[in-house]
PDB file of N, CA and C in Angstrom:
ATOM      1  N   UNK A   1    -126.577  49.885 -84.198  1.00  0.00           N
ATOM      2  CA  UNK A   1    -125.908  50.947 -84.908  1.00  0.00           C
ATOM      3  C   UNK A   1    -126.678  52.237 -84.656  1.00  0.00           C
ATOM      4  N   UNK A   2    -125.950  53.341 -84.439  1.00  0.00           N
ATOM      5  CA  UNK A   2    -126.598  54.623 -84.182  1.00  0.00           C
ATOM      6  C   UNK A   2    -126.014  55.699 -85.087  1.00  0.00           C
ATOM      7  N   UNK A   3    -126.800  56.754 -85.278  1.00  0.00           N
ATOM      8  CA  UNK A   3    -126.340  57.887 -86.072  1.00  0.00           C
ATOM      9  C   UNK A   3    -125.762  58.930 -85.132  1.00  0.00           C
ATOM     10  N   UNK A   4    -124.551  59.354 -85.416  1.00  0.00           N
ATOM     11  CA  UNK A   4    -123.890  60.386 -84.636  1.00  0.00           C
ATOM     12  C   UNK A   4    -123.738  61.597 -85.540  1.00  0.00           C
ATOM     13  N   UNK A   5    -124.298  62.726 -85.103  1.00  0.00           N
ATOM     14  CA  UNK A   5    -124.203  63.976 -85.856  1.00  0.00           C
ATOM     15  C   UNK A   5    -123.195  64.883 -85.174  1.00  0.00           C
ATOM     16  N   UNK A   6    -122.242  65.355 -85.939  1.00  0.00           N
ATOM     17  CA  UNK A   6    -121.242  66.294 -85.439  1.00  0.00           C
ATOM     18  C   UNK A   6    -121.482  67.612 -86.152  1.00  0.00           C
ATOM     19  N   UNK A   7    -121.760  68.676 -85.384  1.00  0.00           N
ATOM     20  CA  UNK A   7    -122.066  69.990 -85.941  1.00  0.00           C
ATOM     21  C   UNK A   7    -120.879  70.908 -85.686  1.00  0.00           C
ATOM     22  N   UNK A   8    -120.407  71.559 -86.777  1.00  0.00           N
ATOM     23  CA  UNK A   8    -119.229  72.420 -86.674  1.00  0.00           C
ATOM     24  C   UNK A   8    -119.547  73.774 -87.306  1.00  0.00           C
ATOM     25  N   UNK A   9    -119.408  74.876 -86.537  1.00  0.00           N
ATOM     26  CA  UNK A   9    -119.581  76.195 -87.144  1.00  0.00           C
ATOM     27  C   UNK A   9    -118.348  76.543 -87.988  1.00  0.00           C
ATOM     28  N   UNK A  10    -118.591  77.181 -89.124  1.00  0.00           N
ATOM     29  CA  UNK A  10    -117.509  77.556 -90.031  1.00  0.00           C
ATOM     30  C   UNK A  10    -117.606  79.046 -90.307  1.00  0.00           C
ATOM     31  N   UNK A  11    -116.530  79.773 -90.044  1.00  0.00           N
ATOM     32  CA  UNK A  11    -116.468  81.193 -90.393  1.00  0.00           C
ATOM     33  C   UNK A  11    -115.047  81.509 -90.854  1.00  0.00           C
ATOM     34  N   UNK A  12    -114.904  81.752 -92.138  1.00  0.00           N
ATOM     35  CA  UNK A  12    -113.604  82.078 -92.740  1.00  0.00           C
ATOM     36  C   UNK A  12    -112.534  81.047 -92.361  1.00  0.00           C
ATOM     37  N   UNK A  13    -112.805  79.805 -92.669  1.00  0.00           N
ATOM     38  CA  UNK A  13    -111.926  78.700 -92.295  1.00  0.00           C
ATOM     39  C   UNK A  13    -111.265  78.018 -93.487  1.00  0.00           C
ATOM     40  N   UNK A  14    -111.133  78.712 -94.624  1.00  0.00           N
ATOM     41  CA  UNK A  14    -110.586  78.053 -95.803  1.00  0.00           C
ATOM     42  C   UNK A  14    -109.212  77.427 -95.554  1.00  0.00           C
ATOM     43  N   UNK A  15    -108.422  78.005 -94.691  1.00  0.00           N
ATOM     44  CA  UNK A  15    -107.101  77.456 -94.400  1.00  0.00           C
ATOM     45  C   UNK A  15    -107.125  76.240 -93.497  1.00  0.00           C
ATOM     46  N   UNK A  16    -108.267  75.961 -92.898  1.00  0.00           N
ATOM     47  CA  UNK A  16    -108.374  74.861 -91.931  1.00  0.00           C
ATOM     48  C   UNK A  16    -109.279  73.718 -92.374  1.00  0.00           C
ATOM     49  N   UNK A  17    -110.031  73.896 -93.444  1.00  0.00           N
ATOM     50  CA  UNK A  17    -111.040  72.907 -93.818  1.00  0.00           C
ATOM     51  C   UNK A  17    -110.463  71.562 -94.227  1.00  0.00           C
ATOM     52  N   UNK A  18    -109.328  71.567 -94.889  1.00  0.00           N
ATOM     53  CA  UNK A  18    -108.718  70.292 -95.284  1.00  0.00           C
ATOM     54  C   UNK A  18    -108.348  69.468 -94.054  1.00  0.00           C
ATOM     55  N   UNK A  19    -107.727  70.114 -93.088  1.00  0.00           N
ATOM     56  CA  UNK A  19    -107.347  69.415 -91.857  1.00  0.00           C
ATOM     57  C   UNK A  19    -108.584  69.003 -91.052  1.00  0.00           C
ATOM     58  N   UNK A  20    -109.582  69.869 -90.992  1.00  0.00           N
ATOM     59  CA  UNK A  20    -110.821  69.537 -90.292  1.00  0.00           C
ATOM     60  C   UNK A  20    -111.464  68.295 -90.887  1.00  0.00           C
ATOM     61  N   UNK A  21    -111.595  68.259 -92.204  1.00  0.00           N
ATOM     62  CA  UNK A  21    -112.230  67.098 -92.835  1.00  0.00           C
ATOM     63  C   UNK A  21    -111.406  65.833 -92.614  1.00  0.00           C
ATOM     64  N   UNK A  22    -110.095  65.950 -92.668  1.00  0.00           N
ATOM     65  CA  UNK A  22    -109.231  64.787 -92.419  1.00  0.00           C
ATOM     66  C   UNK A  22    -109.471  64.246 -91.012  1.00  0.00           C
ATOM     67  N   UNK A  23    -109.516  65.136 -90.040  1.00  0.00           N
ATOM     68  CA  UNK A  23    -109.710  64.708 -88.652  1.00  0.00           C
ATOM     69  C   UNK A  23    -111.105  64.144 -88.405  1.00  0.00           C
ATOM     70  N   UNK A  24    -112.108  64.749 -89.015  1.00  0.00           N
ATOM     71  CA  UNK A  24    -113.464  64.228 -88.846  1.00  0.00           C
ATOM     72  C   UNK A  24    -113.574  62.822 -89.412  1.00  0.00           C
ATOM     73  N   UNK A  25    -113.021  62.604 -90.579  1.00  0.00           N
ATOM     74  CA  UNK A  25    -113.078  61.277 -91.189  1.00  0.00           C
ATOM     75  C   UNK A  25    -112.253  60.264 -90.404  1.00  0.00           C
ATOM     76  N   UNK A  26    -111.220  60.735 -89.744  1.00  0.00           N
ATOM     77  CA  UNK A  26    -110.350  59.863 -88.953  1.00  0.00           C
ATOM     78  C   UNK A  26    -111.072  59.288 -87.738  1.00  0.00           C
ATOM     79  N   UNK A  27    -112.046  59.996 -87.199  1.00  0.00           N
ATOM     80  CA  UNK A  27    -112.703  59.535 -85.972  1.00  0.00           C
ATOM     81  C   UNK A  27    -113.835  58.552 -86.225  1.00  0.00           C
ATOM     82  N   UNK A  28    -114.231  58.380 -87.469  1.00  0.00           N
ATOM     83  CA  UNK A  28    -115.338  57.459 -87.736  1.00  0.00           C
ATOM     84  C   UNK A  28    -114.921  56.036 -87.389  1.00  0.00           C
ATOM     85  N   UNK A  29    -115.861  55.319 -86.800  1.00  0.00           N
ATOM     86  CA  UNK A  29    -115.586  53.947 -86.393  1.00  0.00           C
ATOM     87  C   UNK A  29    -116.627  53.004 -86.969  1.00  0.00           C
ATOM     88  N   UNK A  30    -116.265  51.786 -87.096  1.00  0.00           N
ATOM     89  CA  UNK A  30    -117.206  50.775 -87.585  1.00  0.00           C
ATOM     90  C   UNK A  30    -118.338  50.611 -86.577  1.00  0.00           C
ATOM     91  N   UNK A  31    -119.537  50.348 -87.074  1.00  0.00           N
ATOM     92  CA  UNK A  31    -120.672  50.117 -86.200  1.00  0.00           C
ATOM     93  C   UNK A  31    -121.517  51.344 -85.962  1.00  0.00           C
ATOM     94  N   UNK A  32    -120.990  52.520 -86.215  1.00  0.00           N
ATOM     95  CA  UNK A  32    -121.756  53.752 -86.059  1.00  0.00           C
ATOM     96  C   UNK A  32    -121.788  54.490 -87.389  1.00  0.00           C
ATOM     97  N   UNK A  33    -122.886  55.176 -87.612  1.00  0.00           N
ATOM     98  CA  UNK A  33    -122.991  56.025 -88.788  1.00  0.00           C
ATOM     99  C   UNK A  33    -122.771  57.461 -88.347  1.00  0.00           C
ATOM    100  N   UNK A  34    -122.031  58.201 -89.140  1.00  0.00           N
ATOM    101  CA  UNK A  34    -121.709  59.587 -88.839  1.00  0.00           C
ATOM    102  C   UNK A  34    -122.236  60.494 -89.925  1.00  0.00           C
ATOM    103  N   UNK A  35    -122.621  61.712 -89.510  1.00  0.00           N
ATOM    104  CA  UNK A  35    -122.848  62.787 -90.448  1.00  0.00           C
ATOM    105  C   UNK A  35    -122.151  64.015 -89.868  1.00  0.00           C
ATOM    106  N   UNK A  36    -121.619  64.811 -90.740  1.00  0.00           N
ATOM    107  CA  UNK A  36    -120.897  66.015 -90.343  1.00  0.00           C
ATOM    108  C   UNK A  36    -121.676  67.204 -90.882  1.00  0.00           C
ATOM    109  N   UNK A  37    -122.258  67.977 -89.995  1.00  0.00           N
ATOM    110  CA  UNK A  37    -123.053  69.136 -90.386  1.00  0.00           C
ATOM    111  C   UNK A  37    -122.173  70.359 -90.218  1.00  0.00           C
ATOM    112  N   UNK A  38    -121.794  70.934 -91.332  1.00  0.00           N
ATOM    113  CA  UNK A  38    -120.908  72.095 -91.331  1.00  0.00           C
ATOM    114  C   UNK A  38    -121.752  73.329 -91.622  1.00  0.00           C
ATOM    115  N   UNK A  39    -121.773  74.262 -90.661  1.00  0.00           N
ATOM    116  CA  UNK A  39    -122.642  75.436 -90.752  1.00  0.00           C
ATOM    117  C   UNK A  39    -121.799  76.646 -91.131  1.00  0.00           C
ATOM    118  N   UNK A  40    -121.964  77.104 -92.375  1.00  0.00           N
ATOM    119  CA  UNK A  40    -121.246  78.283 -92.835  1.00  0.00           C
ATOM    120  C   UNK A  40    -121.938  79.522 -92.274  1.00  0.00           C
ATOM    121  N   UNK A  41    -121.225  80.255 -91.434  1.00  0.00           N
ATOM    122  CA  UNK A  41    -121.775  81.409 -90.725  1.00  0.00           C
ATOM    123  C   UNK A  41    -121.402  82.709 -91.430  1.00  0.00           C
ATOM    124  N   UNK A  42    -121.715  82.787 -92.727  1.00  0.00           N
ATOM    125  CA  UNK A  42    -121.468  84.020 -93.480  1.00  0.00           C
ATOM    126  C   UNK A  42    -120.014  84.255 -93.832  1.00  0.00           C
ATOM    127  N   UNK A  43    -119.270  83.200 -94.086  1.00  0.00           N
ATOM    128  CA  UNK A  43    -117.853  83.344 -94.442  1.00  0.00           C
ATOM    129  C   UNK A  43    -117.684  84.243 -95.658  1.00  0.00           C
ATOM    130  N   UNK A  44    -116.590  85.014 -95.652  1.00  0.00           N
ATOM    131  CA  UNK A  44    -116.288  85.913 -96.768  1.00  0.00           C
ATOM    132  C   UNK A  44    -115.098  85.418 -97.588  1.00  0.00           C
ATOM    133  N   UNK A  45    -114.560  84.270 -97.213  1.00  0.00           N
ATOM    134  CA  UNK A  45    -113.449  83.688 -97.959  1.00  0.00           C
ATOM    135  C   UNK A  45    -113.980  82.553 -98.834  1.00  0.00           C
ATOM    136  N   UNK A  46    -113.164  81.613 -99.166  1.00  0.00           N
ATOM    137  CA  UNK A  46    -113.552  80.502-100.036  1.00  0.00           C
ATOM    138  C   UNK A  46    -114.087  79.292 -99.270  1.00  0.00           C
ATOM    139  N   UNK A  47    -114.487  79.487 -98.025  1.00  0.00           N
ATOM    140  CA  UNK A  47    -114.984  78.370 -97.214  1.00  0.00           C
ATOM    141  C   UNK A  47    -116.192  77.686 -97.846  1.00  0.00           C
ATOM    142  N   UNK A  48    -117.174  78.457 -98.298  1.00  0.00           N
ATOM    143  CA  UNK A  48    -118.395  77.846 -98.825  1.00  0.00           C
ATOM    144  C   UNK A  48    -118.134  76.974-100.053  1.00  0.00           C
ATOM    145  N   UNK A  49    -117.399  77.449-101.071  1.00  0.00           N
ATOM    146  CA  UNK A  49    -117.108  76.543-102.193  1.00  0.00           C
ATOM    147  C   UNK A  49    -116.344  75.291-101.758  1.00  0.00           C
ATOM    148  N   UNK A  50    -115.459  75.447-100.797  1.00  0.00           N
ATOM    149  CA  UNK A  50    -114.706  74.292-100.299  1.00  0.00           C
ATOM    150  C   UNK A  50    -115.639  73.323 -99.575  1.00  0.00           C
ATOM    151  N   UNK A  51    -116.617  73.847 -98.844  1.00  0.00           N
ATOM    152  CA  UNK A  51    -117.590  72.984 -98.167  1.00  0.00           C
ATOM    153  C   UNK A  51    -118.411  72.201 -99.182  1.00  0.00           C
ATOM    154  N   UNK A  52    -118.816  72.867-100.251  1.00  0.00           N
ATOM    155  CA  UNK A  52    -119.569  72.169-101.296  1.00  0.00           C
ATOM    156  C   UNK A  52    -118.727  71.065-101.930  1.00  0.00           C
ATOM    157  N   UNK A  53    -117.436  71.313-102.106  1.00  0.00           N
ATOM    158  CA  UNK A  53    -116.543  70.275-102.629  1.00  0.00           C
ATOM    159  C   UNK A  53    -116.497  69.068-101.701  1.00  0.00           C
ATOM    160  N   UNK A  54    -116.410  69.329-100.397  1.00  0.00           N
ATOM    161  CA  UNK A  54    -116.408  68.230 -99.424  1.00  0.00           C
ATOM    162  C   UNK A  54    -117.693  67.416 -99.527  1.00  0.00           C
ATOM    163  N   UNK A  55    -118.816  68.121 -99.647  1.00  0.00           N
ATOM    164  CA  UNK A  55    -120.106  67.430 -99.703  1.00  0.00           C
ATOM    165  C   UNK A  55    -120.247  66.586-100.964  1.00  0.00           C
ATOM    166  N   UNK A  56    -119.632  67.002-102.059  1.00  0.00           N
ATOM    167  CA  UNK A  56    -119.714  66.196-103.277  1.00  0.00           C
ATOM    168  C   UNK A  56    -118.772  64.997-103.211  1.00  0.00           C
ATOM    169  N   UNK A  57    -117.708  65.099-102.423  1.00  0.00           N
ATOM    170  CA  UNK A  57    -116.746  63.998-102.289  1.00  0.00           C
ATOM    171  C   UNK A  57    -117.217  62.928-101.309  1.00  0.00           C
ATOM    172  N   UNK A  58    -118.002  63.330-100.292  1.00  0.00           N
ATOM    173  CA  UNK A  58    -118.431  62.388 -99.255  1.00  0.00           C
ATOM    174  C   UNK A  58    -119.827  62.770 -98.791  1.00  0.00           C
ATOM    175  N   UNK A  59    -120.770  61.856 -98.951  1.00  0.00           N
ATOM    176  CA  UNK A  59    -122.176  62.126 -98.642  1.00  0.00           C
ATOM    177  C   UNK A  59    -122.416  62.426 -97.170  1.00  0.00           C
ATOM    178  N   UNK A  60    -121.483  62.099 -96.299  1.00  0.00           N
ATOM    179  CA  UNK A  60    -121.674  62.347 -94.868  1.00  0.00           C
ATOM    180  C   UNK A  60    -121.548  63.822 -94.497  1.00  0.00           C
ATOM    181  N   UNK A  61    -120.946  64.611 -95.382  1.00  0.00           N
ATOM    182  CA  UNK A  61    -120.816  66.049 -95.132  1.00  0.00           C
ATOM    183  C   UNK A  61    -122.089  66.752 -95.590  1.00  0.00           C
ATOM    184  N   UNK A  62    -122.753  67.419 -94.656  1.00  0.00           N
ATOM    185  CA  UNK A  62    -123.961  68.198 -94.936  1.00  0.00           C
ATOM    186  C   UNK A  62    -123.617  69.665 -94.702  1.00  0.00           C
ATOM    187  N   UNK A  63    -124.130  70.536 -95.574  1.00  0.00           N
ATOM    188  CA  UNK A  63    -123.801  71.951 -95.494  1.00  0.00           C
ATOM    189  C   UNK A  63    -125.065  72.750 -95.191  1.00  0.00           C
ATOM    190  N   UNK A  64    -124.948  73.639 -94.212  1.00  0.00           N
ATOM    191  CA  UNK A  64    -125.983  74.636 -93.955  1.00  0.00           C
ATOM    192  C   UNK A  64    -125.313  75.981 -94.177  1.00  0.00           C
ATOM    193  N   UNK A  65    -125.903  76.807 -95.031  1.00  0.00           N
ATOM    194  CA  UNK A  65    -125.337  78.115 -95.361  1.00  0.00           C
ATOM    195  C   UNK A  65    -126.253  79.198 -94.813  1.00  0.00           C
ATOM    196  N   UNK A  66    -125.820  79.866 -93.747  1.00  0.00           N
ATOM    197  CA  UNK A  66    -126.614  80.939 -93.164  1.00  0.00           C
ATOM    198  C   UNK A  66    -126.558  82.171 -94.062  1.00  0.00           C
ATOM    199  N   UNK A  67    -127.602  82.979 -94.061  1.00  0.00           N
ATOM    200  CA  UNK A  67    -127.699  84.129 -94.964  1.00  0.00           C
ATOM    201  C   UNK A  67    -126.699  85.237 -94.640  1.00  0.00           C
ATOM    202  N   UNK A  68    -126.212  85.267 -93.422  1.00  0.00           N
ATOM    203  CA  UNK A  68    -125.214  86.256 -93.007  1.00  0.00           C
ATOM    204  C   UNK A  68    -124.502  85.713 -91.774  1.00  0.00           C
ATOM    205  N   UNK A  69    -123.546  86.465 -91.282  1.00  0.00           N
ATOM    206  CA  UNK A  69    -122.836  86.075 -90.069  1.00  0.00           C
ATOM    207  C   UNK A  69    -123.703  86.363 -88.850  1.00  0.00           C
ATOM    208  N   UNK A  70    -124.082  85.311 -88.152  1.00  0.00           N
ATOM    209  CA  UNK A  70    -124.861  85.459 -86.931  1.00  0.00           C
ATOM    210  C   UNK A  70    -123.982  85.335 -85.692  1.00  0.00           C
ATOM    211  N   UNK A  71    -122.842  84.686 -85.814  1.00  0.00           N
ATOM    212  CA  UNK A  71    -121.965  84.464 -84.677  1.00  0.00           C
ATOM    213  C   UNK A  71    -122.422  83.265 -83.873  1.00  0.00           C
ATOM    214  N   UNK A  72    -121.492  82.478 -83.376  1.00  0.00           N
ATOM    215  CA  UNK A  72    -121.857  81.276 -82.635  1.00  0.00           C
ATOM    216  C   UNK A  72    -122.458  81.604 -81.264  1.00  0.00           C
ATOM    217  N   UNK A  73    -122.258  82.829 -80.781  1.00  0.00           N
ATOM    218  CA  UNK A  73    -122.778  83.185 -79.474  1.00  0.00           C
ATOM    219  C   UNK A  73    -124.292  83.255 -79.462  1.00  0.00           C
ATOM    220  N   UNK A  74    -124.893  83.608 -80.605  1.00  0.00           N
ATOM    221  CA  UNK A  74    -126.354  83.721 -80.659  1.00  0.00           C
ATOM    222  C   UNK A  74    -126.967  82.347 -80.723  1.00  0.00           C
TER     223      UNK A  74
END
């Protein structure tokens, strides 16, 4: 059994988080352990509270909250 970490940048994605979480959970397979690291890149919408809700519902969701928007290019 191995741990698979999936890292996803999040920036103003409140309209997409429900579908994202559904799809991430859909790909999990028996025999492997998954963690989903969702990196909030300074969102100005309700993404961060929604991410915290996901993390309380499922321990596999880990949240990193950056202090401001750095952009995925950096």
